[in-house]
Amino acid sequence: LEPNVVFVLCGIALTLIFLLHACRQFPGCGNIVTFSQFLFIAVEGFIFETNFGRKKPAIPIRYYFIMVAMFFTVSVVNNYALNLNIAMPLHMIFRSGSLIASMALGIIILKKRYSVYKYTSIALVSLGIFTCTFMSAKQVASDSSLNEDDGPQVFLWWLLGIAALTFALLMSARMGIFQEMLYKQFGKHSKEALFYNHALPLPGFLLLAPNIYHHAVLFSQTEPFQIPVIGLTLPIMWFYLLMNVVTQYVCIRGVFILTTECTSLTVTLVVTLRKFVSLIFSILYFRNPFTAWHWLGTTFVFVGTLMYTEVWNSLGPFLARWRKRPKEE
């Protein structure tokens, strides 16, 4: 593996540990977590990438405004979906359908055509997402039946959550196509894109200020925690948030570098592993109900994703060389 891949995977695992601790105590803390991540990356980029604003961007700023509008919308909608009766495993699995959205918009916007092999992989991913969505819908309906008055309302909120995830999925795919077109025209500038994608959306968080402030107060009221080695004491939720921000920075910077230094196959595989690790952490930590049907759907999603990346073709030569090794006496 490339060193950047290792950094990304390590960052993902650590980020999830601290994020899941936070979400378990305060399920609606997504906005303060996202704001903190954006602020940290923006300040770091302003100092070291733009040289305190003196460096002119290689890509015209107006294109970054379009990109970050999409990026901010996707982030907020994905976070808010968790408040609409969407379980974390379903949230993770549904977002694994990014290949479907990207392929569909690629065909519509870029007029691309794909092989039968890739269409088959997309069919598997679609089937997996449908299976998990359908089974989760049955669980919501079953839980709602305990209260006849609240049942229909709970299920309608769940449907709204599915609609939010669908919108975010399509918007994310459109953003990817837009970014691909920009890189072809102006070249790839990963650090610059990382900064502007996180700095320009910051004013938008003013709309979420009451929610962010509310959770900041809640975080400050948690039990104190002494940081090892340095001996600094602060509320434990602020420690979780700090660790999440630092590890997320390592992760997201690695992803942006991977888009310019590694092959698309490597990047896609890393993203696939991210989704798999996220899903497993979520299930084990939150102890969410996960039936055999969910496991089947998850298998379809990830097998289809691996088929799309054509990882089998890369493994073929390796296995052939391994089989031809001289046998030891």
C-alpha atoms as a PDB file:
ATOM      1  CA  LEU A   1       0.000   0.000   0.000  1.00  0.00           C
ATOM      2  CA  GLU A   2       1.028   3.591  -0.605  1.00  0.00           C
ATOM      3  CA  PRO A   3       1.958   5.492   2.592  1.00  0.00           C
ATOM      4  CA  ASN A   4      -0.980   7.828   2.028  1.00  0.00           C
ATOM      5  CA  VAL A   5      -3.359   4.869   1.953  1.00  0.00           C
ATOM      6  CA  VAL A   6      -2.093   3.752   5.344  1.00  0.00           C
ATOM      7  CA  PHE A   7      -2.549   7.286   6.738  1.00  0.00           C
ATOM      8  CA  VAL A   8      -6.095   7.421   5.393  1.00  0.00           C
ATOM      9  CA  LEU A   9      -7.078   4.050   6.854  1.00  0.00           C
ATOM     10  CA  CYS A  10      -5.502   4.801  10.221  1.00  0.00           C
ATOM     11  CA  GLY A  11      -7.172   8.212  10.278  1.00  0.00           C
ATOM     12  CA  ILE A  12     -10.525   6.614   9.455  1.00  0.00           C
ATOM     13  CA  ALA A  13     -10.297   4.070  12.262  1.00  0.00           C
ATOM     14  CA  LEU A  14      -9.291   6.653  14.892  1.00  0.00           C
ATOM     15  CA  THR A  15     -11.843   9.189  13.664  1.00  0.00           C
ATOM     16  CA  LEU A  16     -14.630   6.644  13.949  1.00  0.00           C
ATOM     17  CA  ILE A  17     -13.644   5.676  17.488  1.00  0.00           C
ATOM     18  CA  PHE A  18     -13.900   9.266  18.746  1.00  0.00           C
ATOM     19  CA  LEU A  19     -16.954  10.113  16.613  1.00  0.00           C
ATOM     20  CA  LEU A  20     -18.902   7.072  17.812  1.00  0.00           C
ATOM     21  CA  HIS A  21     -18.127   7.967  21.441  1.00  0.00           C
ATOM     22  CA  ALA A  22     -19.566  11.438  20.797  1.00  0.00           C
ATOM     23  CA  CYS A  23     -22.628  10.258  18.856  1.00  0.00           C
ATOM     24  CA  ARG A  24     -23.512   7.680  21.485  1.00  0.00           C
ATOM     25  CA  GLN A  25     -23.859  10.338  24.196  1.00  0.00           C
ATOM     26  CA  PHE A  26     -25.183  13.150  21.968  1.00  0.00           C
ATOM     27  CA  PRO A  27     -26.776  11.731  18.757  1.00  0.00           C
ATOM     28  CA  GLY A  28     -27.453  15.215  17.337  1.00  0.00           C
ATOM     29  CA  CYS A  29     -23.884  16.520  17.631  1.00  0.00           C
ATOM     30  CA  GLY A  30     -23.082  16.176  13.915  1.00  0.00           C
ATOM     31  CA  ASN A  31     -23.153  19.929  13.262  1.00  0.00           C
ATOM     32  CA  ILE A  32     -20.608  20.879  15.917  1.00  0.00           C
ATOM     33  CA  VAL A  33     -18.337  18.039  14.801  1.00  0.00           C
ATOM     34  CA  THR A  34     -18.523  19.113  11.152  1.00  0.00           C
ATOM     35  CA  PHE A  35     -18.006  22.788  12.024  1.00  0.00           C
ATOM     36  CA  SER A  36     -14.929  21.979  14.113  1.00  0.00           C
ATOM     37  CA  GLN A  37     -13.430  19.903  11.311  1.00  0.00           C
ATOM     38  CA  PHE A  38     -14.035  22.646   8.737  1.00  0.00           C
ATOM     39  CA  LEU A  39     -12.629  25.368  11.011  1.00  0.00           C
ATOM     40  CA  PHE A  40      -9.444  23.451  11.821  1.00  0.00           C
ATOM     41  CA  ILE A  41      -8.696  22.601   8.176  1.00  0.00           C
ATOM     42  CA  ALA A  42      -9.511  26.170   7.060  1.00  0.00           C
ATOM     43  CA  VAL A  43      -7.160  27.755   9.617  1.00  0.00           C
ATOM     44  CA  GLU A  44      -4.351  25.326   8.779  1.00  0.00           C
ATOM     45  CA  GLY A  45      -4.796  25.933   5.049  1.00  0.00           C
ATOM     46  CA  PHE A  46      -4.974  29.710   5.444  1.00  0.00           C
ATOM     47  CA  ILE A  47      -1.587  29.696   7.190  1.00  0.00           C
ATOM     48  CA  PHE A  48       0.346  27.068   5.264  1.00  0.00           C
ATOM     49  CA  GLU A  49      -1.355  26.859   1.835  1.00  0.00           C
ATOM     50  CA  THR A  50      -2.434  30.416   1.018  1.00  0.00           C
ATOM     51  CA  ASN A  51       0.313  32.118   3.053  1.00  0.00           C
ATOM     52  CA  PHE A  52      -2.243  34.205   4.969  1.00  0.00           C
ATOM     53  CA  GLY A  53      -4.235  34.927   1.808  1.00  0.00           C
ATOM     54  CA  ARG A  54      -1.309  36.196  -0.278  1.00  0.00           C
ATOM     55  CA  LYS A  55      -1.208  33.203  -2.673  1.00  0.00           C
ATOM     56  CA  LYS A  56      -3.547  33.407  -5.664  1.00  0.00           C
ATOM     57  CA  PRO A  57      -5.622  30.235  -6.331  1.00  0.00           C
ATOM     58  CA  ALA A  58      -4.751  28.212  -9.436  1.00  0.00           C
ATOM     59  CA  ILE A  59      -8.450  27.493 -10.030  1.00  0.00           C
ATOM     60  CA  PRO A  60     -10.728  30.577 -10.287  1.00  0.00           C
ATOM     61  CA  ILE A  61     -12.467  31.236  -6.992  1.00  0.00           C
ATOM     62  CA  ARG A  62     -15.943  31.237  -8.566  1.00  0.00           C
ATOM     63  CA  TYR A  63     -15.615  27.511  -9.322  1.00  0.00           C
ATOM     64  CA  TYR A  64     -14.717  26.801  -5.719  1.00  0.00           C
ATOM     65  CA  PHE A  65     -17.858  28.622  -4.597  1.00  0.00           C
ATOM     66  CA  ILE A  66     -19.956  26.271  -6.739  1.00  0.00           C
ATOM     67  CA  MET A  67     -18.074  23.235  -5.475  1.00  0.00           C
ATOM     68  CA  VAL A  68     -18.305  24.142  -1.801  1.00  0.00           C
ATOM     69  CA  ALA A  69     -22.016  24.942  -2.089  1.00  0.00           C
ATOM     70  CA  MET A  70     -22.509  21.325  -3.174  1.00  0.00           C
ATOM     71  CA  PHE A  71     -20.053  20.032  -0.564  1.00  0.00           C
ATOM     72  CA  PHE A  72     -21.690  21.948   2.300  1.00  0.00           C
ATOM     73  CA  THR A  73     -25.178  20.857   1.264  1.00  0.00           C
ATOM     74  CA  VAL A  74     -24.159  17.190   1.109  1.00  0.00           C
ATOM     75  CA  SER A  75     -22.476  17.339   4.540  1.00  0.00           C
ATOM     76  CA  VAL A  76     -25.407  19.004   6.284  1.00  0.00           C
ATOM     77  CA  VAL A  77     -28.080  16.826   4.661  1.00  0.00           C
ATOM     78  CA  ASN A  78     -26.181  13.629   5.502  1.00  0.00           C
ATOM     79  CA  ASN A  79     -25.822  14.728   9.130  1.00  0.00           C
ATOM     80  CA  TYR A  80     -29.469  15.765   9.420  1.00  0.00           C
ATOM     81  CA  ALA A  81     -30.661  12.438   8.006  1.00  0.00           C
ATOM     82  CA  LEU A  82     -29.563  10.769  11.260  1.00  0.00           C
ATOM     83  CA  ASN A  83     -32.288  12.776  13.039  1.00  0.00           C
ATOM     84  CA  LEU A  84     -34.973  11.363  10.726  1.00  0.00           C
ATOM     85  CA  ASN A  85     -35.158   7.789  12.088  1.00  0.00           C
ATOM     86  CA  ILE A  86     -32.276   6.643   9.886  1.00  0.00           C
ATOM     87  CA  ALA A  87     -30.134   4.037  11.653  1.00  0.00           C
ATOM     88  CA  MET A  88     -26.371   4.415  11.355  1.00  0.00           C
ATOM     89  CA  PRO A  89     -25.860   1.087   9.464  1.00  0.00           C
ATOM     90  CA  LEU A  90     -28.497   2.044   6.887  1.00  0.00           C
ATOM     91  CA  HIS A  91     -26.894   5.486   6.603  1.00  0.00           C
ATOM     92  CA  MET A  92     -23.503   3.875   5.846  1.00  0.00           C
ATOM     93  CA  ILE A  93     -24.903   1.338   3.385  1.00  0.00           C
ATOM     94  CA  PHE A  94     -27.039   3.870   1.542  1.00  0.00           C
ATOM     95  CA  ARG A  95     -24.037   6.136   0.998  1.00  0.00           C
ATOM     96  CA  SER A  96     -22.227   3.152  -0.502  1.00  0.00           C
ATOM     97  CA  GLY A  97     -24.445   3.682  -3.517  1.00  0.00           C
ATOM     98  CA  SER A  98     -22.261   6.552  -4.702  1.00  0.00           C
ATOM     99  CA  LEU A  99     -21.168   4.353  -7.621  1.00  0.00           C
ATOM    100  CA  ILE A 100     -24.753   4.142  -8.837  1.00  0.00           C
ATOM    101  CA  ALA A 101     -25.243   7.893  -8.701  1.00  0.00           C
ATOM    102  CA  SER A 102     -21.880   8.594 -10.337  1.00  0.00           C
ATOM    103  CA  MET A 103     -22.526   6.147 -13.163  1.00  0.00           C
ATOM    104  CA  ALA A 104     -26.040   7.455 -13.771  1.00  0.00           C
ATOM    105  CA  LEU A 105     -24.945  11.098 -13.880  1.00  0.00           C
ATOM    106  CA  GLY A 106     -21.880  10.184 -15.928  1.00  0.00           C
ATOM    107  CA  ILE A 107     -24.153   8.640 -18.567  1.00  0.00           C
ATOM    108  CA  ILE A 108     -26.533  11.607 -18.517  1.00  0.00           C
ATOM    109  CA  ILE A 109     -24.053  14.505 -18.283  1.00  0.00           C
ATOM    110  CA  LEU A 110     -20.784  13.189 -19.734  1.00  0.00           C
ATOM    111  CA  LYS A 111     -22.420  10.749 -22.193  1.00  0.00           C
ATOM    112  CA  LYS A 112     -20.211   7.906 -20.924  1.00  0.00           C
ATOM    113  CA  ARG A 113     -20.767   4.223 -21.738  1.00  0.00           C
ATOM    114  CA  TYR A 114     -19.669   1.271 -19.615  1.00  0.00           C
ATOM    115  CA  SER A 115     -19.021  -2.451 -20.059  1.00  0.00           C
ATOM    116  CA  VAL A 116     -21.539  -5.153 -19.168  1.00  0.00           C
ATOM    117  CA  TYR A 117     -19.249  -6.120 -16.284  1.00  0.00           C
ATOM    118  CA  LYS A 118     -19.636  -2.672 -14.717  1.00  0.00           C
ATOM    119  CA  TYR A 119     -23.376  -2.578 -15.271  1.00  0.00           C
ATOM    120  CA  THR A 120     -23.570  -5.932 -13.450  1.00  0.00           C
ATOM    121  CA  SER A 121     -21.604  -4.539 -10.524  1.00  0.00           C
ATOM    122  CA  ILE A 122     -23.974  -1.566 -10.294  1.00  0.00           C
ATOM    123  CA  ALA A 123     -26.953  -3.946 -10.344  1.00  0.00           C
ATOM    124  CA  LEU A 124     -25.444  -5.799  -7.357  1.00  0.00           C
ATOM    125  CA  VAL A 125     -24.932  -2.577  -5.438  1.00  0.00           C
ATOM    126  CA  SER A 126     -28.505  -1.483  -6.216  1.00  0.00           C
ATOM    127  CA  LEU A 127     -29.888  -4.829  -5.057  1.00  0.00           C
ATOM    128  CA  GLY A 128     -27.898  -4.639  -1.829  1.00  0.00           C
ATOM    129  CA  ILE A 129     -29.104  -1.133  -1.018  1.00  0.00           C
ATOM    130  CA  PHE A 130     -32.700  -2.054  -1.841  1.00  0.00           C
ATOM    131  CA  THR A 131     -32.516  -5.118   0.445  1.00  0.00           C
ATOM    132  CA  CYS A 132     -31.151  -3.162   3.394  1.00  0.00           C
ATOM    133  CA  THR A 133     -33.555  -0.272   2.865  1.00  0.00           C
ATOM    134  CA  PHE A 134     -36.555  -2.608   2.648  1.00  0.00           C
ATOM    135  CA  MET A 135     -35.582  -4.536   5.800  1.00  0.00           C
ATOM    136  CA  SER A 136     -34.979  -1.320   7.736  1.00  0.00           C
ATOM    137  CA  ALA A 137     -38.380  -0.064   6.598  1.00  0.00           C
ATOM    138  CA  LYS A 138     -39.958  -3.203   8.031  1.00  0.00           C
ATOM    139  CA  GLN A 139     -38.146  -2.621  11.335  1.00  0.00           C
ATOM    140  CA  VAL A 140     -39.366   0.972  11.494  1.00  0.00           C
ATOM    141  CA  ALA A 141     -42.897  -0.123  10.708  1.00  0.00           C
ATOM    142  CA  SER A 142     -42.685  -2.815  13.383  1.00  0.00           C
ATOM    143  CA  ASP A 143     -41.400  -0.367  15.992  1.00  0.00           C
ATOM    144  CA  SER A 144     -44.026   2.188  15.004  1.00  0.00           C
ATOM    145  CA  SER A 145     -46.829  -0.322  15.461  1.00  0.00           C
ATOM    146  CA  LEU A 146     -46.266  -0.153  19.227  1.00  0.00           C
ATOM    147  CA  ASN A 147     -47.988   3.231  19.198  1.00  0.00           C
ATOM    148  CA  GLU A 148     -50.795   3.520  16.687  1.00  0.00           C
ATOM    149  CA  ASP A 149     -50.917   7.290  16.963  1.00  0.00           C
ATOM    150  CA  ASP A 150     -47.201   7.904  16.414  1.00  0.00           C
ATOM    151  CA  GLY A 151     -46.622   5.032  13.969  1.00  0.00           C
ATOM    152  CA  PRO A 152     -47.535   6.780  10.690  1.00  0.00           C
ATOM    153  CA  GLN A 153     -45.661   9.920  11.724  1.00  0.00           C
ATOM    154  CA  VAL A 154     -42.492   7.969  12.562  1.00  0.00           C
ATOM    155  CA  PHE A 155     -42.634   6.146   9.233  1.00  0.00           C
ATOM    156  CA  LEU A 156     -43.147   9.410   7.323  1.00  0.00           C
ATOM    157  CA  TRP A 157     -40.076  10.885   9.015  1.00  0.00           C
ATOM    158  CA  TRP A 158     -38.155   7.768   7.970  1.00  0.00           C
ATOM    159  CA  LEU A 159     -39.291   8.266   4.358  1.00  0.00           C
ATOM    160  CA  LEU A 160     -38.124  11.881   4.559  1.00  0.00           C
ATOM    161  CA  GLY A 161     -34.750  10.598   5.779  1.00  0.00           C
ATOM    162  CA  ILE A 162     -34.499   8.272   2.761  1.00  0.00           C
ATOM    163  CA  ALA A 163     -35.328  11.190   0.464  1.00  0.00           C
ATOM    164  CA  ALA A 164     -32.604  13.291   2.147  1.00  0.00           C
ATOM    165  CA  LEU A 165     -30.029  10.528   1.662  1.00  0.00           C
ATOM    166  CA  THR A 166     -31.039  10.139  -1.989  1.00  0.00           C
ATOM    167  CA  PHE A 167     -30.689  13.859  -2.608  1.00  0.00           C
ATOM    168  CA  ALA A 168     -27.269  13.929  -0.898  1.00  0.00           C
ATOM    169  CA  LEU A 169     -26.133  10.921  -2.937  1.00  0.00           C
ATOM    170  CA  LEU A 170     -27.017  12.557  -6.257  1.00  0.00           C
ATOM    171  CA  MET A 171     -25.564  15.915  -5.204  1.00  0.00           C
ATOM    172  CA  SER A 172     -22.309  14.234  -4.164  1.00  0.00           C
ATOM    173  CA  ALA A 173     -22.053  12.481  -7.533  1.00  0.00           C
ATOM    174  CA  ARG A 174     -22.685  15.751  -9.358  1.00  0.00           C
ATOM    175  CA  MET A 175     -19.966  17.403  -7.302  1.00  0.00           C
ATOM    176  CA  GLY A 176     -17.536  14.638  -8.276  1.00  0.00           C
ATOM    177  CA  ILE A 177     -18.240  15.158 -11.970  1.00  0.00           C
ATOM    178  CA  PHE A 178     -17.866  18.926 -11.580  1.00  0.00           C
ATOM    179  CA  GLN A 179     -14.531  18.461  -9.790  1.00  0.00           C
ATOM    180  CA  GLU A 180     -13.312  16.042 -12.468  1.00  0.00           C
ATOM    181  CA  MET A 181     -14.060  18.606 -15.183  1.00  0.00           C
ATOM    182  CA  LEU A 182     -12.230  21.348 -13.243  1.00  0.00           C
ATOM    183  CA  TYR A 183      -9.127  19.208 -12.762  1.00  0.00           C
ATOM    184  CA  LYS A 184      -9.020  18.432 -16.475  1.00  0.00           C
ATOM    185  CA  GLN A 185      -9.172  22.120 -17.310  1.00  0.00           C
ATOM    186  CA  PHE A 186      -6.916  23.661 -14.633  1.00  0.00           C
ATOM    187  CA  GLY A 187      -4.833  20.746 -13.326  1.00  0.00           C
ATOM    188  CA  LYS A 188      -4.923  19.000  -9.936  1.00  0.00           C
ATOM    189  CA  HIS A 189      -4.276  21.079  -6.816  1.00  0.00           C
ATOM    190  CA  SER A 190      -5.150  18.902  -3.824  1.00  0.00           C
ATOM    191  CA  LYS A 191      -4.013  21.187  -0.980  1.00  0.00           C
ATOM    192  CA  GLU A 192      -5.676  24.226  -2.530  1.00  0.00           C
ATOM    193  CA  ALA A 193      -8.921  22.321  -3.041  1.00  0.00           C
ATOM    194  CA  LEU A 194      -8.768  21.019   0.533  1.00  0.00           C
ATOM    195  CA  PHE A 195      -8.502  24.573   1.885  1.00  0.00           C
ATOM    196  CA  TYR A 196     -11.216  26.207  -0.223  1.00  0.00           C
ATOM    197  CA  ASN A 197     -13.620  23.294   0.219  1.00  0.00           C
ATOM    198  CA  HIS A 198     -13.475  23.869   3.980  1.00  0.00           C
ATOM    199  CA  ALA A 199     -12.921  27.634   4.280  1.00  0.00           C
ATOM    200  CA  LEU A 200     -15.628  28.987   1.977  1.00  0.00           C
ATOM    201  CA  PRO A 201     -18.530  27.088   3.645  1.00  0.00           C
ATOM    202  CA  LEU A 202     -17.743  28.484   7.125  1.00  0.00           C
ATOM    203  CA  PRO A 203     -20.254  31.395   6.917  1.00  0.00           C
ATOM    204  CA  GLY A 204     -22.976  28.845   6.212  1.00  0.00           C
ATOM    205  CA  PHE A 205     -22.580  27.476   9.724  1.00  0.00           C
ATOM    206  CA  LEU A 206     -24.145  30.699  11.044  1.00  0.00           C
ATOM    207  CA  LEU A 207     -27.469  29.113  10.098  1.00  0.00           C
ATOM    208  CA  LEU A 208     -26.640  26.276  12.489  1.00  0.00           C
ATOM    209  CA  ALA A 209     -25.236  28.488  15.254  1.00  0.00           C
ATOM    210  CA  PRO A 210     -27.995  27.769  17.839  1.00  0.00           C
ATOM    211  CA  ASN A 211     -27.523  24.010  17.454  1.00  0.00           C
ATOM    212  CA  ILE A 212     -23.726  24.301  17.587  1.00  0.00           C
ATOM    213  CA  TYR A 213     -23.867  26.515  20.680  1.00  0.00           C
ATOM    214  CA  HIS A 214     -26.338  24.158  22.388  1.00  0.00           C
ATOM    215  CA  HIS A 215     -24.031  21.191  21.948  1.00  0.00           C
ATOM    216  CA  ALA A 216     -21.000  23.250  22.976  1.00  0.00           C
ATOM    217  CA  VAL A 217     -22.753  23.906  26.299  1.00  0.00           C
ATOM    218  CA  LEU A 218     -23.608  20.212  26.654  1.00  0.00           C
ATOM    219  CA  PHE A 219     -20.019  19.237  25.879  1.00  0.00           C
ATOM    220  CA  SER A 220     -18.759  21.638  28.562  1.00  0.00           C
ATOM    221  CA  GLN A 221     -20.987  19.987  31.164  1.00  0.00           C
ATOM    222  CA  THR A 222     -19.523  16.495  30.689  1.00  0.00           C
ATOM    223  CA  GLU A 223     -17.150  14.929  33.207  1.00  0.00           C
ATOM    224  CA  PRO A 224     -13.552  16.202  33.264  1.00  0.00           C
ATOM    225  CA  PHE A 225     -10.803  14.180  31.608  1.00  0.00           C
ATOM    226  CA  GLN A 226      -7.047  14.516  32.111  1.00  0.00           C
ATOM    227  CA  ILE A 227      -5.067  14.151  28.885  1.00  0.00           C
ATOM    228  CA  PRO A 228      -2.163  11.722  29.366  1.00  0.00           C
ATOM    229  CA  VAL A 229       1.422  13.025  29.183  1.00  0.00           C
ATOM    230  CA  ILE A 230       0.588  16.758  29.072  1.00  0.00           C
ATOM    231  CA  GLY A 231      -1.699  16.597  32.125  1.00  0.00           C
ATOM    232  CA  LEU A 232      -4.265  19.085  30.721  1.00  0.00           C
ATOM    233  CA  THR A 233      -7.800  18.635  32.082  1.00  0.00           C
ATOM    234  CA  LEU A 234     -10.900  19.400  29.984  1.00  0.00           C
ATOM    235  CA  PRO A 235     -14.449  18.014  29.571  1.00  0.00           C
ATOM    236  CA  ILE A 236     -14.261  14.560  28.018  1.00  0.00           C
ATOM    237  CA  MET A 237     -16.525  15.453  25.075  1.00  0.00           C
ATOM    238  CA  TRP A 238     -14.162  18.278  24.113  1.00  0.00           C
ATOM    239  CA  PHE A 239     -11.337  15.747  24.200  1.00  0.00           C
ATOM    240  CA  TYR A 240     -13.304  13.416  21.894  1.00  0.00           C
ATOM    241  CA  LEU A 241     -14.007  16.347  19.581  1.00  0.00           C
ATOM    242  CA  LEU A 242     -10.348  17.422  19.519  1.00  0.00           C
ATOM    243  CA  MET A 243      -9.169  13.907  18.706  1.00  0.00           C
ATOM    244  CA  ASN A 244     -11.842  13.577  16.020  1.00  0.00           C
ATOM    245  CA  VAL A 245     -10.760  16.836  14.371  1.00  0.00           C
ATOM    246  CA  VAL A 246      -7.071  15.879  14.326  1.00  0.00           C
ATOM    247  CA  THR A 247      -7.629  12.366  12.978  1.00  0.00           C
ATOM    248  CA  GLN A 248     -10.184  13.604  10.444  1.00  0.00           C
ATOM    249  CA  TYR A 249      -7.598  16.082   9.176  1.00  0.00           C
ATOM    250  CA  VAL A 250      -5.120  13.253   8.629  1.00  0.00           C
ATOM    251  CA  CYS A 251      -7.794  11.224   6.857  1.00  0.00           C
ATOM    252  CA  ILE A 252      -9.216  13.925   4.572  1.00  0.00           C
ATOM    253  CA  ARG A 253      -5.793  15.272   3.612  1.00  0.00           C
ATOM    254  CA  GLY A 254      -4.735  11.765   2.633  1.00  0.00           C
ATOM    255  CA  VAL A 255      -7.856  11.392   0.488  1.00  0.00           C
ATOM    256  CA  PHE A 256      -7.188  14.667  -1.350  1.00  0.00           C
ATOM    257  CA  ILE A 257      -3.567  13.653  -1.960  1.00  0.00           C
ATOM    258  CA  LEU A 258      -4.636  10.222  -3.182  1.00  0.00           C
ATOM    259  CA  THR A 259      -6.796  11.799  -5.884  1.00  0.00           C
ATOM    260  CA  THR A 260      -3.677  13.334  -7.429  1.00  0.00           C
ATOM    261  CA  GLU A 261      -0.887  10.852  -6.657  1.00  0.00           C
ATOM    262  CA  CYS A 262      -2.511   7.412  -6.868  1.00  0.00           C
ATOM    263  CA  THR A 263      -4.546   5.594  -9.495  1.00  0.00           C
ATOM    264  CA  SER A 264      -8.312   5.846  -9.458  1.00  0.00           C
ATOM    265  CA  LEU A 265      -8.421   2.134  -8.558  1.00  0.00           C
ATOM    266  CA  THR A 266      -6.442   2.766  -5.365  1.00  0.00           C
ATOM    267  CA  VAL A 267      -8.627   5.725  -4.389  1.00  0.00           C
ATOM    268  CA  THR A 268     -11.841   3.777  -4.997  1.00  0.00           C
ATOM    269  CA  LEU A 269     -10.591   0.812  -2.992  1.00  0.00           C
ATOM    270  CA  VAL A 270      -9.649   3.090  -0.091  1.00  0.00           C
ATOM    271  CA  VAL A 271     -13.091   4.707  -0.149  1.00  0.00           C
ATOM    272  CA  THR A 272     -14.690   1.239  -0.249  1.00  0.00           C
ATOM    273  CA  LEU A 273     -12.630   0.158   2.751  1.00  0.00           C
ATOM    274  CA  ARG A 274     -13.686   3.347   4.535  1.00  0.00           C
ATOM    275  CA  LYS A 275     -17.325   2.436   4.108  1.00  0.00           C
ATOM    276  CA  PHE A 276     -16.719  -1.129   5.233  1.00  0.00           C
ATOM    277  CA  VAL A 277     -14.785  -0.062   8.346  1.00  0.00           C
ATOM    278  CA  SER A 278     -17.428   2.564   9.151  1.00  0.00           C
ATOM    279  CA  LEU A 279     -20.205   0.007   8.872  1.00  0.00           C
ATOM    280  CA  ILE A 280     -18.506  -2.581  11.078  1.00  0.00           C
ATOM    281  CA  PHE A 281     -17.617   0.008  13.748  1.00  0.00           C
ATOM    282  CA  SER A 282     -21.187   1.289  13.735  1.00  0.00           C
ATOM    283  CA  ILE A 283     -22.765  -2.137  14.142  1.00  0.00           C
ATOM    284  CA  LEU A 284     -20.423  -3.287  16.909  1.00  0.00           C
ATOM    285  CA  TYR A 285     -20.451  -0.042  18.859  1.00  0.00           C
ATOM    286  CA  PHE A 286     -24.140   0.888  18.677  1.00  0.00           C
ATOM    287  CA  ARG A 287     -25.347  -2.758  18.750  1.00  0.00           C
ATOM    288  CA  ASN A 288     -27.871  -1.973  16.042  1.00  0.00           C
ATOM    289  CA  PRO A 289     -30.196  -4.781  14.877  1.00  0.00           C
ATOM    290  CA  PHE A 290     -28.567  -6.378  11.870  1.00  0.00           C
ATOM    291  CA  THR A 291     -30.370  -9.379  10.398  1.00  0.00           C
ATOM    292  CA  ALA A 292     -29.182 -11.981   7.899  1.00  0.00           C
ATOM    293  CA  TRP A 293     -30.929  -9.953   5.182  1.00  0.00           C
ATOM    294  CA  HIS A 294     -28.869  -6.915   6.122  1.00  0.00           C
ATOM    295  CA  TRP A 295     -25.685  -8.953   5.885  1.00  0.00           C
ATOM    296  CA  LEU A 296     -26.771 -10.257   2.474  1.00  0.00           C
ATOM    297  CA  GLY A 297     -27.476  -6.744   1.263  1.00  0.00           C
ATOM    298  CA  THR A 298     -24.151  -5.514   2.605  1.00  0.00           C
ATOM    299  CA  THR A 299     -22.376  -8.352   0.793  1.00  0.00           C
ATOM    300  CA  PHE A 300     -24.043  -7.351  -2.474  1.00  0.00           C
ATOM    301  CA  VAL A 301     -22.994  -3.715  -1.959  1.00  0.00           C
ATOM    302  CA  PHE A 302     -19.334  -4.416  -1.358  1.00  0.00           C
ATOM    303  CA  VAL A 303     -18.951  -7.245  -3.877  1.00  0.00           C
ATOM    304  CA  GLY A 304     -20.527  -4.982  -6.486  1.00  0.00           C
ATOM    305  CA  THR A 305     -18.204  -2.136  -5.502  1.00  0.00           C
ATOM    306  CA  LEU A 306     -15.137  -4.373  -5.840  1.00  0.00           C
ATOM    307  CA  MET A 307     -16.381  -5.576  -9.224  1.00  0.00           C
ATOM    308  CA  TYR A 308     -16.721  -1.971 -10.341  1.00  0.00           C
ATOM    309  CA  THR A 309     -13.101  -1.258  -9.417  1.00  0.00           C
ATOM    310  CA  GLU A 310     -12.019  -4.389 -11.348  1.00  0.00           C
ATOM    311  CA  VAL A 311      -9.850  -5.482  -8.455  1.00  0.00           C
ATOM    312  CA  TRP A 312     -10.044  -9.072  -9.711  1.00  0.00           C
ATOM    313  CA  ASN A 313      -8.058  -8.092 -12.812  1.00  0.00           C
ATOM    314  CA  SER A 314      -5.308  -6.689 -10.613  1.00  0.00           C
ATOM    315  CA  LEU A 315      -5.243  -9.785  -8.437  1.00  0.00           C
ATOM    316  CA  GLY A 316      -5.084 -12.145 -11.444  1.00  0.00           C
ATOM    317  CA  PRO A 317      -1.415 -11.520 -12.385  1.00  0.00           C
ATOM    318  CA  PHE A 318      -0.413 -11.643  -8.725  1.00  0.00           C
ATOM    319  CA  LEU A 319      -2.104 -15.017  -8.182  1.00  0.00           C
ATOM    320  CA  ALA A 320      -0.594 -16.347 -11.405  1.00  0.00           C
ATOM    321  CA  ARG A 321       2.906 -15.420 -10.225  1.00  0.00           C
ATOM    322  CA  TRP A 322       2.208 -16.938  -6.816  1.00  0.00           C
ATOM    323  CA  ARG A 323       1.134 -20.250  -8.357  1.00  0.00           C
ATOM    324  CA  LYS A 324       4.280 -20.392 -10.510  1.00  0.00           C
ATOM    325  CA  ARG A 325       6.618 -20.104  -7.521  1.00  0.00           C
ATOM    326  CA  PRO A 326       8.954 -23.118  -7.198  1.00  0.00           C
ATOM    327  CA  LYS A 327       7.769 -25.409  -4.469  1.00  0.00           C
ATOM    328  CA  GLU A 328      10.021 -25.735  -1.459  1.00  0.00           C
ATOM    329  CA  GLU A 329      11.527 -29.120  -0.828  1.00  0.00           C
END
